[in-house]
N, C-alpha and C. Protein backbone atom coordinates (compact mmCIF):
# COMPACT_ATOMS: atom_id res chain seq x y z
N UNK A 1 52.16 45.26 44.49
CA UNK A 1 51.96 44.47 45.72
C UNK A 1 52.35 44.95 47.00
N UNK A 2 53.47 45.20 47.31
CA UNK A 2 53.84 45.58 48.50
C UNK A 2 53.49 47.10 48.71
N UNK A 3 53.13 47.90 47.59
CA UNK A 3 52.33 49.29 47.74
C UNK A 3 50.92 49.35 48.36
N UNK A 4 50.09 48.02 48.01
CA UNK A 4 48.76 47.52 48.28
C UNK A 4 48.81 47.35 49.80
N UNK A 5 50.10 46.50 50.47
CA UNK A 5 50.28 46.26 51.71
C UNK A 5 50.78 47.51 52.44
N UNK A 6 51.34 48.62 52.07
CA UNK A 6 51.67 49.34 52.72
C UNK A 6 50.36 50.20 52.97
N UNK A 7 50.01 50.49 52.13
CA UNK A 7 48.59 51.33 52.22
C UNK A 7 47.57 50.34 53.18
N UNK A 8 47.47 49.22 53.24
CA UNK A 8 46.58 48.42 54.20
C UNK A 8 47.20 48.78 55.54
N UNK A 9 48.26 48.99 55.79
CA UNK A 9 49.18 49.04 56.92
C UNK A 9 48.57 50.59 57.57
N UNK A 10 48.40 51.36 56.43
CA UNK A 10 48.49 52.96 56.85
C UNK A 10 46.85 53.13 57.05
N UNK A 11 46.36 52.22 56.59
CA UNK A 11 44.75 52.48 56.87
C UNK A 11 44.48 51.70 57.90
N UNK A 12 45.12 50.65 58.55
CA UNK A 12 44.93 49.90 59.92
C UNK A 12 45.31 50.91 60.73
N UNK A 13 47.01 51.32 60.68
CA UNK A 13 46.91 52.88 61.92
C UNK A 13 46.02 53.54 62.20
N UNK A 14 45.42 54.22 60.96
CA UNK A 14 44.27 55.23 61.37
C UNK A 14 42.90 54.64 62.27
N UNK A 15 42.38 53.55 61.63
CA UNK A 15 41.20 52.63 62.18
C UNK A 15 41.68 52.46 63.72
N UNK A 16 42.98 52.05 63.77
CA UNK A 16 43.33 51.17 65.29
C UNK A 16 43.44 53.12 66.37
N UNK A 17 43.99 54.14 65.83
CA UNK A 17 43.95 54.78 66.42
C UNK A 17 43.28 55.77 66.66
N UNK A 18 41.87 56.14 65.55
CA UNK A 18 41.07 56.96 65.69
C UNK A 18 40.03 56.44 66.19
N UNK A 19 39.62 55.36 65.09
CA UNK A 19 38.26 54.76 65.33
C UNK A 19 38.11 54.20 66.92
N UNK A 20 39.00 53.46 67.02
CA UNK A 20 38.96 52.62 68.38
C UNK A 20 39.63 53.53 69.65
N UNK A 21 39.94 55.00 69.20
CA UNK A 21 40.39 55.53 70.29
C UNK A 21 41.31 55.64 70.78
N UNK A 22 42.51 54.50 70.17
CA UNK A 22 43.69 54.34 70.90
C UNK A 22 44.51 55.67 70.95
N UNK A 23 44.27 56.79 70.31
CA UNK A 23 45.34 57.94 70.36
C UNK A 23 45.21 58.94 71.41
N UNK A 24 44.06 58.64 72.38
CA UNK A 24 43.75 59.06 73.52
C UNK A 24 43.83 58.25 74.69
N UNK A 25 44.19 57.25 74.62
CA UNK A 25 44.88 56.21 75.86
C UNK A 25 46.12 56.41 76.42
N UNK A 26 46.11 55.63 77.21
CA UNK A 26 47.38 55.82 78.05
C UNK A 26 48.31 54.96 77.20
N UNK A 27 49.93 55.24 77.46
CA UNK A 27 50.56 54.49 76.92
C UNK A 27 50.81 52.73 77.41
N UNK A 28 50.21 52.67 78.43
CA UNK A 28 50.45 50.97 78.78
C UNK A 28 49.45 50.46 78.13
N UNK A 29 47.90 51.18 78.08
CA UNK A 29 46.92 50.38 77.15
C UNK A 29 47.19 50.33 75.56
N UNK A 30 47.71 51.38 75.38
CA UNK A 30 48.18 51.21 73.74
C UNK A 30 49.30 50.19 73.36
N UNK A 31 50.13 50.15 74.61
CA UNK A 31 51.09 49.00 74.45
C UNK A 31 50.72 47.43 74.44
N UNK A 32 49.85 47.51 75.62
CA UNK A 32 49.18 46.25 75.75
C UNK A 32 48.09 45.74 74.53
N UNK A 33 47.77 46.60 73.76
CA UNK A 33 47.00 46.29 72.45
C UNK A 33 48.28 46.12 71.19
N UNK A 34 49.11 47.10 70.99
CA UNK A 34 49.68 46.68 69.75
C UNK A 34 51.07 46.04 69.83
N UNK A 35 51.64 45.41 71.03
CA UNK A 35 52.58 44.57 71.09
C UNK A 35 51.95 43.06 71.00
N UNK A 36 51.01 42.67 71.63
CA UNK A 36 50.65 41.31 71.12
C UNK A 36 50.08 41.09 69.68
N UNK A 37 49.72 42.20 69.07
CA UNK A 37 48.97 42.53 67.72
C UNK A 37 50.45 42.17 66.84
N UNK A 38 51.38 42.73 67.36
CA UNK A 38 52.73 42.71 66.46
C UNK A 38 53.41 41.52 66.48
N UNK A 39 53.41 40.94 67.95
CA UNK A 39 54.13 39.54 67.75
C UNK A 39 53.27 38.36 67.19
N UNK A 40 52.10 38.67 66.99
CA UNK A 40 51.12 37.61 66.40
C UNK A 40 51.66 37.44 65.00
N UNK A 41 51.48 38.97 64.78
CA UNK A 41 51.51 39.25 63.12
C UNK A 41 53.22 38.45 62.54
N UNK A 42 54.35 38.75 63.78
CA UNK A 42 55.64 38.10 63.72
C UNK A 42 55.39 36.63 63.67
N UNK A 43 54.60 36.13 64.31
CA UNK A 43 54.57 34.67 64.64
C UNK A 43 53.80 34.00 63.61
N UNK A 44 53.06 34.34 62.25
CA UNK A 44 52.37 34.18 61.38
C UNK A 44 53.27 34.20 60.12
N UNK A 45 54.48 34.91 59.96
CA UNK A 45 55.31 35.15 59.37
C UNK A 45 56.14 33.90 59.60
N UNK A 46 56.70 34.09 60.56
CA UNK A 46 57.41 32.96 60.93
C UNK A 46 57.28 31.44 60.84
N UNK A 47 55.48 31.42 60.96
CA UNK A 47 55.40 30.00 60.63
C UNK A 47 55.27 29.77 59.04
N UNK A 48 55.07 30.48 58.65
CA UNK A 48 54.81 30.66 56.83
C UNK A 48 56.23 30.26 56.15
N UNK A 49 57.02 30.97 57.15
CA UNK A 49 58.51 30.63 56.55
C UNK A 49 59.05 29.13 56.77
N UNK A 50 58.64 28.94 58.05
CA UNK A 50 59.23 27.62 58.54
C UNK A 50 58.49 26.39 57.66
N UNK A 51 57.23 26.56 57.77
CA UNK A 51 56.38 25.65 56.55
C UNK A 51 57.08 25.54 55.00
N UNK A 52 57.46 26.86 54.71
CA UNK A 52 58.03 26.68 53.31
C UNK A 52 59.24 26.09 53.21
N UNK A 53 59.89 26.08 54.32
CA UNK A 53 61.26 25.26 54.48
C UNK A 53 61.06 23.97 54.69
N UNK A 54 60.40 23.58 55.64
CA UNK A 54 59.94 22.44 55.66
C UNK A 54 59.47 21.46 54.53
N UNK A 55 58.46 22.22 53.75
CA UNK A 55 58.04 21.82 52.18
C UNK A 55 59.27 21.33 51.67
N UNK A 56 60.27 22.45 51.65
CA UNK A 56 61.27 22.38 50.67
C UNK A 56 62.05 21.18 50.78
N UNK A 57 62.18 20.84 52.19
CA UNK A 57 63.25 19.84 52.94
C UNK A 57 62.33 18.52 52.55
N UNK A 58 61.09 18.76 52.65
CA UNK A 58 60.47 17.27 52.30
C UNK A 58 60.37 16.72 50.81
N UNK A 59 60.09 17.72 50.27
CA UNK A 59 60.54 17.43 48.45
C UNK A 59 62.14 17.09 48.15
N UNK A 60 63.08 17.45 48.91
CA UNK A 60 64.01 16.80 49.03
C UNK A 60 64.61 15.55 49.45
N UNK A 61 63.70 15.40 50.59
CA UNK A 61 63.69 13.85 51.02
C UNK A 61 63.22 12.69 50.20
N UNK A 62 61.86 13.21 49.69
CA UNK A 62 60.94 12.54 48.64
C UNK A 62 62.14 12.24 47.42
N UNK A 63 62.52 13.16 46.62
CA UNK A 63 63.52 12.51 45.52
C UNK A 63 64.38 11.67 45.83
N UNK A 64 65.24 11.76 47.30
CA UNK A 64 66.35 11.18 47.47
C UNK A 64 65.68 9.49 47.66
N UNK A 65 64.30 9.39 48.15
CA UNK A 65 64.03 8.28 48.25
C UNK A 65 63.47 7.59 47.25
N UNK A 66 63.08 8.07 46.30
CA UNK A 66 62.85 7.56 44.73
C UNK A 66 64.23 7.49 43.89
N UNK A 67 65.33 7.85 44.29
CA UNK A 67 66.50 7.51 43.91
C UNK A 67 67.09 6.10 43.56
N UNK A 68 67.50 5.66 42.78
CA UNK A 68 67.89 4.02 42.29
C UNK A 68 68.85 4.25 42.55
N UNK A 69 69.56 3.19 43.64
CA UNK A 69 71.21 3.10 43.69
C UNK A 69 71.33 1.94 43.31
N UNK A 70 72.68 1.90 42.49
CA UNK A 70 73.14 0.50 41.87
C UNK A 70 74.26 0.05 42.80
N UNK A 71 74.06 -1.33 43.09
CA UNK A 71 74.95 -2.07 44.27
C UNK A 71 76.44 -2.01 43.48
N UNK A 72 77.12 -2.08 44.43
CA UNK A 72 78.83 -2.20 44.22
C UNK A 72 78.96 -3.49 43.47
N UNK A 73 79.86 -3.47 42.43
CA UNK A 73 80.53 -4.80 41.83
C UNK A 73 80.87 -5.96 43.16
N UNK A 74 80.65 -7.15 43.09
CA UNK A 74 80.98 -8.02 44.10
C UNK A 74 82.98 -8.05 44.05
N UNK A 75 83.17 -8.03 45.15
CA UNK A 75 85.05 -8.15 45.14
C UNK A 75 85.32 -9.58 45.86
N UNK A 76 86.46 -10.04 45.86
CA UNK A 76 86.91 -11.33 46.34
C UNK A 76 86.67 -11.36 47.93
N UNK A 77 86.42 -10.25 49.00
CA UNK A 77 86.13 -10.43 50.11
C UNK A 77 84.92 -9.98 50.09
N UNK A 78 84.25 -10.89 51.58
CA UNK A 78 82.90 -10.67 51.65
C UNK A 78 82.48 -9.84 52.87
N UNK A 79 81.45 -8.94 52.97
CA UNK A 79 81.35 -8.23 53.72
C UNK A 79 81.56 -6.72 53.77
N UNK A 80 81.58 -6.03 54.83
CA UNK A 80 82.01 -4.26 54.09
C UNK A 80 83.10 -4.13 55.24
N UNK A 81 84.19 -3.43 54.20
CA UNK A 81 85.16 -2.79 55.22
C UNK A 81 85.23 -1.47 54.64
N UNK A 82 85.58 -0.98 56.09
CA UNK A 82 85.55 0.47 56.33
C UNK A 82 86.95 0.92 55.71
N UNK A 83 86.60 2.31 55.07
CA UNK A 83 87.72 2.76 54.43
C UNK A 83 88.89 3.31 55.40
N UNK A 84 90.14 2.73 54.73
CA UNK A 84 91.22 2.97 55.61
C UNK A 84 91.68 1.77 56.25
N UNK A 85 90.69 0.80 56.50
CA UNK A 85 91.24 -0.38 56.96
C UNK A 85 91.85 -1.56 56.22
N UNK A 86 92.88 -2.02 56.83
CA UNK A 86 93.42 -3.43 56.17
C UNK A 86 93.08 -4.65 56.42
N UNK A 87 93.25 -5.30 55.63
CA UNK A 87 92.78 -6.57 55.18
C UNK A 87 93.80 -7.58 55.89
N UNK A 88 93.42 -8.60 56.80
CA UNK A 88 94.75 -9.53 57.39
C UNK A 88 94.50 -10.69 56.38
N UNK A 89 95.44 -11.25 56.12
CA UNK A 89 95.59 -12.33 55.33
C UNK A 89 96.46 -13.16 55.88
N UNK A 90 96.03 -14.12 56.87
CA UNK A 90 97.14 -14.84 57.60
C UNK A 90 97.22 -16.18 57.48
């Protein structure tokens, strides 16, 4: 698979530089074509990476939402006490 991608990039290089005559153009024109193309490819890869991360996070949230939580057994005191607090018995 990686070899096929490398050959495709190699072929694209020759198509751009010889068929589109970029090899004979000024450096500024070449950069004005290649730089946005490179940034576009980078953005596509970044979006796929972000989408995969988002999908994995969404599955984790879905699993947590389906998790059944057992209620704590009732104690003598009503309400909820924060850990480390003392109960005043006056």
